[in-house]
Protein backbone atom coordinates (compact mmCIF):
# COMPACT_ATOMS: atom_id res chain seq x y z
CA MET A 1 52.69 3.32 -26.56
CA PHE A 2 50.10 1.13 -24.83
CA THR A 3 46.45 2.29 -25.12
CA PRO A 4 44.43 1.22 -22.03
CA SER A 5 40.98 1.68 -23.61
CA ARG A 6 41.84 -0.83 -26.32
CA LEU A 7 42.48 -3.54 -23.73
CA THR A 8 39.02 -2.90 -22.29
CA LEU A 9 37.48 -3.06 -25.77
CA ALA A 10 39.29 -6.30 -26.65
CA ARG A 11 38.35 -7.93 -23.36
CA GLN A 12 34.69 -6.96 -23.74
CA ARG A 13 34.63 -8.11 -27.36
CA ARG A 14 35.65 -11.58 -26.19
CA GLY A 15 33.13 -11.55 -23.34
CA LEU A 16 35.76 -11.99 -20.62
CA ASN A 17 36.02 -10.37 -17.21
CA LYS A 18 39.21 -9.06 -15.65
CA LYS A 19 39.65 -12.05 -13.38
CA ARG A 20 39.53 -14.49 -16.29
CA ILE A 21 41.98 -12.42 -18.34
CA ALA A 22 44.36 -12.34 -15.39
CA GLU A 23 44.20 -16.13 -15.06
CA LEU A 24 44.85 -16.69 -18.77
CA VAL A 25 47.71 -14.19 -18.98
CA GLY A 26 49.32 -15.10 -15.68
CA VAL A 27 49.01 -11.78 -13.87
CA SER A 28 46.88 -10.54 -10.99
CA THR A 29 43.40 -9.11 -11.39
CA ARG A 30 44.73 -5.91 -9.84
CA ALA A 31 47.34 -5.73 -12.61
CA VAL A 32 44.67 -5.99 -15.31
CA THR A 33 42.68 -3.26 -13.57
CA GLY A 34 45.80 -1.09 -13.58
CA PHE A 35 46.43 -1.76 -17.28
CA GLU A 36 42.89 -0.70 -18.19
CA SER A 37 42.91 2.39 -15.98
CA GLY A 38 46.28 3.52 -17.29
CA GLU A 39 47.84 3.47 -13.83
CA THR A 40 50.40 0.87 -14.91
CA VAL A 41 51.85 -0.04 -18.29
CA PRO A 42 52.23 -3.73 -19.16
CA SER A 43 55.58 -5.01 -20.39
CA GLU A 44 55.93 -5.96 -24.04
CA LEU A 45 55.91 -9.63 -23.02
CA THR A 46 52.61 -9.10 -21.16
CA VAL A 47 51.14 -7.23 -24.13
CA ALA A 48 52.10 -10.17 -26.34
CA ARG A 49 50.35 -12.54 -23.93
CA LEU A 50 47.26 -10.32 -23.87
CA ALA A 51 47.24 -10.23 -27.66
CA ASP A 52 47.50 -14.03 -27.85
CA VAL A 53 44.72 -14.61 -25.31
CA LEU A 54 42.36 -12.01 -26.78
CA GLN A 55 43.18 -12.83 -30.42
CA PHE A 56 44.06 -9.31 -31.46
CA PRO A 57 47.35 -8.22 -33.08
CA VAL A 58 49.87 -6.58 -30.77
CA SER A 59 49.48 -3.45 -32.94
CA PHE A 60 45.84 -3.20 -31.82
CA PHE A 61 46.94 -2.33 -28.28
CA HIS A 62 49.37 0.36 -29.44
CA ALA A 63 47.06 2.20 -31.85
CA ALA A 64 45.18 5.41 -30.98
CA ASP A 65 42.00 5.43 -28.93
CA LEU A 66 38.88 4.38 -30.82
CA ASP A 67 35.55 6.14 -30.54
CA ARG A 68 33.56 4.10 -28.02
CA ILE A 69 29.77 3.81 -28.10
CA GLU A 70 28.36 5.37 -24.94
CA ASP A 71 26.26 3.22 -22.62
CA ASP A 72 23.27 5.57 -22.83
CA ALA A 73 23.44 5.83 -26.64
CA VAL A 74 21.77 2.47 -27.33
CA SER A 75 18.75 0.53 -26.14
CA PHE A 76 18.75 -3.26 -26.35
CA ARG A 77 15.39 -4.90 -26.95
CA SER A 78 15.81 -7.86 -24.58
CA LEU A 79 17.63 -5.93 -21.87
CA ALA A 80 16.08 -7.92 -19.02
CA LYS A 81 17.29 -11.19 -20.56
CA MET A 82 20.76 -10.01 -21.53
CA THR A 83 23.82 -10.37 -19.37
CA ALA A 84 26.24 -7.49 -18.93
CA SER A 85 28.80 -9.54 -20.85
CA GLN A 86 26.45 -9.89 -23.84
CA ARG A 87 25.79 -6.14 -23.87
CA HIS A 88 29.50 -5.36 -23.69
CA THR A 89 30.30 -7.85 -26.45
CA ALA A 90 27.67 -6.39 -28.77
CA ARG A 91 28.72 -2.82 -28.05
CA ALA A 92 32.40 -3.67 -28.62
CA ALA A 93 31.45 -5.14 -32.00
CA GLY A 94 29.80 -1.82 -32.72
CA ASP A 95 33.01 0.01 -31.78
CA LEU A 96 34.97 -2.01 -34.34
CA ALA A 97 32.26 -1.42 -36.94
CA LEU A 98 32.59 2.33 -36.44
CA ALA A 99 36.31 2.00 -37.15
CA LEU A 100 35.57 0.02 -40.34
CA HIS A 101 33.04 2.66 -41.35
CA ASP A 102 35.62 5.42 -40.92
CA TRP A 103 38.08 3.43 -43.05
CA ILE A 104 35.50 2.98 -45.81
CA SER A 105 34.22 6.55 -45.70
CA GLU A 106 37.76 7.85 -46.21
CA ARG A 107 37.83 6.00 -49.53
CA PHE A 108 34.25 6.16 -50.76
CA ARG A 109 31.64 8.89 -50.78
CA LEU A 110 28.65 7.22 -49.16
CA PRO A 111 24.99 8.29 -49.43
CA PRO A 112 24.15 11.20 -47.09
CA GLN A 113 21.59 10.54 -44.39
CA ASP A 114 18.08 11.95 -44.49
CA VAL A 115 16.44 10.04 -41.65
CA PRO A 116 13.58 12.07 -40.14
CA ARG A 117 13.97 12.93 -36.46
CA LEU A 118 10.42 13.14 -35.21
CA GLY A 119 9.50 14.73 -31.92
CA PRO A 120 8.65 12.85 -28.73
CA GLY A 121 5.03 11.96 -28.10
CA LEU A 122 4.25 11.07 -31.71
CA ASP A 123 2.54 7.68 -31.98
CA ALA A 124 4.40 4.94 -33.85
CA GLU A 125 1.75 4.43 -36.53
CA THR A 126 1.90 8.09 -37.52
CA ALA A 127 5.70 8.09 -37.41
CA ALA A 128 5.81 5.17 -39.87
CA GLN A 129 3.35 6.94 -42.17
CA ILE A 130 5.51 10.08 -42.12
CA VAL A 131 8.64 8.08 -43.04
CA ARG A 132 6.80 6.36 -45.89
CA ALA A 133 5.56 9.74 -47.12
CA GLU A 134 8.92 11.54 -46.85
CA TRP A 135 10.73 8.67 -48.55
CA LYS A 136 7.98 8.35 -51.18
CA LEU A 137 7.34 4.67 -50.47
CA GLY A 138 3.58 4.63 -51.05
CA GLU A 139 1.62 1.72 -49.58
CA LYS A 140 3.38 -1.17 -51.30
CA PRO A 141 5.54 -3.85 -49.63
CA LEU A 142 9.17 -2.81 -49.16
CA PRO A 143 11.45 -4.83 -51.48
CA ASN A 144 14.56 -4.66 -49.26
CA VAL A 145 14.75 -2.89 -45.89
CA ILE A 146 18.56 -2.89 -45.68
CA HIS A 147 18.84 -1.31 -49.12
CA LEU A 148 16.21 1.24 -48.09
CA LEU A 149 18.11 2.20 -44.95
CA GLU A 150 21.40 2.46 -46.84
CA ALA A 151 19.84 4.58 -49.58
CA HIS A 152 18.89 7.09 -46.90
CA GLY A 153 22.31 7.15 -45.29
CA VAL A 154 21.98 4.58 -42.50
CA ARG A 155 25.12 2.45 -42.12
CA VAL A 156 24.28 -1.21 -41.49
CA PHE A 157 26.70 -3.72 -39.93
CA SER A 158 26.51 -7.19 -38.45
CA LEU A 159 26.73 -8.39 -34.86
CA ALA A 160 26.92 -12.08 -35.84
CA GLN A 161 26.38 -13.32 -32.29
CA ASP A 162 25.00 -16.70 -31.31
CA ALA A 163 22.70 -15.26 -28.67
CA ARG A 164 18.95 -14.97 -29.07
CA GLU A 165 18.96 -12.19 -26.48
CA VAL A 166 21.03 -9.97 -28.78
CA ASP A 167 18.72 -8.94 -31.61
CA ALA A 168 20.02 -5.60 -32.83
CA PHE A 169 20.73 -2.06 -31.76
CA SER A 170 21.05 1.35 -33.34
CA LEU A 171 22.47 4.75 -32.50
CA TRP A 172 23.22 8.21 -33.73
CA GLN A 173 26.98 8.82 -33.72
CA SER A 174 27.01 12.59 -34.03
CA THR A 175 24.85 13.11 -37.14
CA GLN A 176 25.40 9.62 -38.57
CA PRO A 177 22.82 6.84 -37.96
CA PHE A 178 23.98 3.23 -37.53
CA VAL A 179 22.10 -0.06 -37.30
CA PHE A 180 23.69 -3.28 -36.05
CA LEU A 181 21.85 -6.53 -36.85
CA ASN A 182 22.28 -10.04 -35.53
CA THR A 183 22.44 -11.71 -38.93
CA LYS A 184 22.35 -15.21 -37.45
CA LYS A 185 18.60 -14.77 -36.92
CA SER A 186 16.06 -15.71 -39.59
CA ALA A 187 15.78 -13.45 -42.63
CA GLU A 188 12.28 -12.35 -41.58
CA HIS A 189 13.50 -11.63 -38.05
CA SER A 190 16.45 -9.54 -39.27
CA ARG A 191 14.19 -7.56 -41.62
CA PHE A 192 11.81 -6.73 -38.78
CA ASP A 193 14.80 -5.87 -36.56
CA ALA A 194 16.06 -3.42 -39.19
CA ALA A 195 12.68 -1.68 -39.32
CA HIS A 196 12.50 -1.74 -35.51
CA GLU A 197 15.87 -0.01 -35.23
CA LEU A 198 14.81 2.59 -37.78
CA GLY A 199 11.93 3.30 -35.42
CA HIS A 200 14.42 4.01 -32.62
CA LEU A 201 16.42 6.33 -34.90
CA VAL A 202 13.29 8.22 -35.90
CA MET A 203 11.46 8.41 -32.57
CA HIS A 204 14.15 8.01 -29.89
CA TRP A 205 16.98 10.15 -31.22
CA HIS A 206 17.40 12.30 -28.10
CA HIS A 207 20.66 12.44 -26.16
CA GLU A 208 19.71 9.63 -23.81
CA VAL A 209 17.86 6.63 -25.24
CA PRO A 210 14.92 5.74 -22.99
CA GLN A 211 15.14 2.28 -21.45
CA GLY A 212 12.35 -0.14 -20.58
CA ASN A 213 9.40 -1.63 -22.40
CA GLN A 214 7.74 1.54 -23.71
CA PRO A 215 10.34 2.51 -26.36
CA GLU A 216 10.67 -1.12 -27.44
CA GLN A 217 6.91 -1.45 -27.88
CA GLU A 218 6.86 1.81 -29.83
CA ALA A 219 9.65 0.59 -32.11
CA ASN A 220 7.80 -2.71 -32.65
CA ARG A 221 4.63 -0.85 -33.63
CA PHE A 222 6.66 1.39 -35.93
CA ALA A 223 8.25 -1.63 -37.63
CA ALA A 224 4.89 -3.36 -38.08
CA ALA A 225 3.32 -0.20 -39.52
CA LEU A 226 6.28 0.47 -41.83
CA LEU A 227 6.41 -3.09 -43.17
CA MET A 228 2.64 -3.65 -43.25
CA PRO A 229 0.79 -0.34 -43.84
CA ALA A 230 -2.74 -0.71 -42.53
CA GLU A 231 -4.82 0.35 -45.52
CA SER A 232 -2.98 -1.77 -48.07
CA LEU A 233 -2.65 -4.76 -45.73
CA LEU A 234 -6.35 -4.90 -44.88
CA ALA A 235 -7.39 -4.38 -48.49
CA SER A 236 -5.47 -7.50 -49.51
CA THR A 237 -6.41 -9.78 -46.57
CA PRO A 238 -9.53 -12.00 -46.47
CA ARG A 239 -11.99 -11.01 -43.76
CA VAL A 240 -11.62 -14.40 -42.08
CA PRO A 241 -8.09 -15.46 -43.03
CA THR A 242 -6.84 -19.01 -42.64
CA LEU A 243 -3.25 -19.91 -41.86
CA HIS A 244 -2.84 -20.76 -45.54
CA ASP A 245 -3.95 -17.19 -46.39
CA LEU A 246 -1.45 -15.77 -43.92
CA ILE A 247 1.44 -17.81 -45.30
CA LYS A 248 0.60 -16.51 -48.76
CA ALA A 249 0.38 -12.94 -47.44
CA LYS A 250 3.67 -13.17 -45.51
CA ARG A 251 5.48 -13.84 -48.78
CA ARG A 252 4.04 -10.61 -50.17
CA TRP A 253 4.93 -8.45 -47.15
CA LYS A 254 8.18 -10.32 -46.34
CA VAL A 255 7.50 -10.70 -42.65
CA SER A 256 7.11 -13.67 -40.31
CA VAL A 257 3.71 -15.31 -40.17
CA ALA A 258 3.61 -14.53 -36.44
CA ALA A 259 4.32 -10.81 -37.03
CA LEU A 260 1.64 -10.68 -39.71
CA THR A 261 -0.91 -12.33 -37.42
CA HIS A 262 -0.06 -9.94 -34.59
CA ARG A 263 -0.40 -6.93 -36.91
CA LEU A 264 -3.86 -8.04 -38.07
CA SER A 265 -4.88 -8.48 -34.44
CA GLU A 266 -3.66 -4.98 -33.54
CA LEU A 267 -5.69 -3.56 -36.43
CA LYS A 268 -8.79 -5.39 -35.10
CA TRP A 269 -9.03 -7.39 -38.33
CA LEU A 270 -8.94 -10.55 -36.21
CA THR A 271 -11.15 -11.17 -33.22
CA PRO A 272 -9.38 -12.20 -30.01
CA TRP A 273 -10.64 -15.74 -30.57
CA GLN A 274 -9.37 -15.84 -34.19
CA TYR A 275 -6.00 -14.50 -33.11
CA ARG A 276 -5.72 -17.05 -30.32
CA MET A 277 -6.62 -19.99 -32.58
CA LEU A 278 -4.25 -18.90 -35.34
CA TYR A 279 -1.41 -18.37 -32.87
CA VAL A 280 -1.97 -21.83 -31.37
CA GLU A 281 -1.79 -23.33 -34.87
CA ILE A 282 1.37 -21.36 -35.67
CA SER A 283 3.00 -22.57 -32.45
CA GLN A 284 1.95 -26.20 -32.90
CA LEU A 285 3.44 -26.28 -36.40
CA GLY A 286 6.73 -24.80 -35.13
CA TYR A 287 6.38 -21.67 -37.23
CA ARG A 288 7.54 -19.38 -34.43
CA THR A 289 11.08 -20.74 -34.75
CA ASN A 290 11.07 -22.29 -38.25
CA GLU A 291 9.43 -19.92 -40.68
CA PRO A 292 7.22 -21.50 -43.38
CA GLN A 293 8.49 -20.76 -46.89
CA PRO A 294 11.37 -18.61 -45.61
CA MET A 295 12.46 -15.58 -47.59
CA GLN A 296 15.94 -14.94 -48.92
CA ARG A 297 18.18 -12.98 -46.57
CA GLU A 298 18.61 -9.30 -47.34
CA THR A 299 22.18 -8.14 -47.86
CA SER A 300 24.00 -4.83 -47.92
CA GLN A 301 24.24 -3.01 -51.22
CA ILE A 302 26.92 -0.64 -49.89
CA LEU A 303 29.25 -3.30 -48.49
CA ASN A 304 28.93 -5.44 -51.62
CA GLN A 305 29.87 -2.51 -53.84
CA VAL A 306 32.77 -1.51 -51.61
CA PHE A 307 34.18 -5.03 -51.44
CA THR A 308 33.73 -5.57 -55.18
CA ALA A 309 35.75 -2.42 -55.89
CA LEU A 310 38.44 -3.42 -53.40
CA ARG A 311 38.66 -6.92 -54.82
CA ARG A 312 39.14 -5.54 -58.34
CA GLU A 313 42.16 -3.65 -57.06
CA GLY A 314 43.60 -6.69 -55.31
CA VAL A 315 42.89 -5.41 -51.80
CA THR A 316 42.47 -8.48 -49.61
CA LYS A 317 40.53 -8.99 -46.42
CA THR A 318 43.85 -9.48 -44.63
CA GLU A 319 45.02 -6.04 -45.77
CA ILE A 320 41.79 -4.36 -44.65
CA ALA A 321 41.98 -6.10 -41.28
CA SER A 322 45.62 -5.10 -40.90
CA ALA A 323 44.73 -1.45 -41.55
CA LEU A 324 42.21 -1.72 -38.70
CA ASN A 325 44.70 -3.56 -36.44
CA ILE A 326 42.41 -6.60 -36.18
CA TYR A 327 42.44 -10.12 -37.58
CA GLN A 328 40.35 -11.23 -40.54
CA PRO A 329 37.69 -13.17 -38.51
CA ASP A 330 36.76 -9.97 -36.68
CA LEU A 331 36.41 -8.17 -40.02
CA ASP A 332 34.24 -11.00 -41.35
CA ALA A 333 32.02 -10.79 -38.26
CA LEU A 334 31.25 -7.11 -38.98
CA VAL A 335 29.72 -7.97 -42.36
CA PHE A 336 28.52 -11.55 -41.73
CA GLY A 337 25.38 -12.23 -43.75
CA LEU A 338 25.42 -8.73 -45.22
CA ALA A 339 28.22 -8.84 -47.78
CA MET A 340 28.11 -11.93 -49.96
CA LEU A 341 31.14 -11.18 -52.10
CA PRO A 342 34.57 -12.24 -50.85
CA VAL A 343 37.48 -9.85 -50.84
CA GLU A 344 40.16 -11.94 -52.48
CA GLY A 345 43.19 -11.41 -54.62
CA ASN A 346 46.82 -10.47 -54.26
CA GLY A 347 48.93 -7.55 -55.17
CA THR A 348 49.66 -4.09 -53.91
CA PRO A 349 46.60 -1.88 -53.40
CA THR A 350 46.49 1.13 -55.64
CA LYS A 351 43.93 3.88 -56.06
CA ILE A 352 40.47 2.62 -55.11
CA PRO A 353 38.16 2.96 -58.11
CA SER A 354 34.70 4.43 -58.21
CA ALA A 355 31.98 1.94 -57.38
CA HIS A 356 28.57 1.96 -59.01
CA PRO A 357 25.99 4.43 -57.62
CA PRO A 358 25.16 5.29 -54.90
CA LEU A 359 28.89 5.11 -54.04
CA ARG A 360 31.30 7.68 -55.37
CA LEU A 361 35.06 7.71 -55.04
CA VAL A 362 36.50 10.30 -52.73
CA THR A 363 39.03 12.20 -54.83
CA THR A 364 41.90 14.25 -53.55
């Protein structure tokens, strides 16, 4: 049986409009509209053509409806710069990630979430302090933000999009928090994005995510305060820091030199003149796009453990993709830059073994 919503998802994932799909498949735009609305059912030959054009297996279009991420459930940081196609593509990637998460959670017992949901009106600095206190993080630099999120039950997946406008997004799906990162950005950028999205989960968890600059500015301040707690940061920073001092400090706090400079300015540690001069120097040296002494990219502890266990049992990426009714490149895109271990091997999958903590095998 043909599932209309899956055609919409596949089309949006590829960033194509109905007119372009119609041209590539050889049908009218009205026909595509009818297929997606459920008013008409495409022939098997047309479904095969759709599958070929959209690069999804035919089985994808006959499987059950997937949970779709609602439009008002997410807030994109660069909304004014993003096209509707980019938003749809990113959200469709999130839809596929939710399906992968369901597949994994049926086989592994993942860490439960304990992300604080703080009330509206709380300032971002205080919110970050509360999270650090509840998670017993102290004032030290955070070793790995992705590991931290996963340890507290946040599921992290990749967007892997070549679009600067698409940084990241997050959402609560029922009681489960998700973060989606563009892992083609710099390691420092992705780390800040992860903290930024945690800010949204903590402060903007209501039914409808507020749009506009205010929530994005709040999430930025939350991320800066979480990654660079004021008291500890100022205690370790020279009163009149040079760019050399900032590059040394950015290695300690694992942030971009620009983010560090902006944080010190917000805390009034730098005068407006000092901030301006340092930012000019950072820009002239190209450090806004090419980070000095870049850090190693953070990866997912959960996905690495899952894929290691699957590989031991001979479960291949092709088999996982087939279970999700997608092709392997779409599976790879969901974990790009997050899972470093390949899922290789041959053989018939058997019982999936227990992975190392925090994962536990779901037994029946």
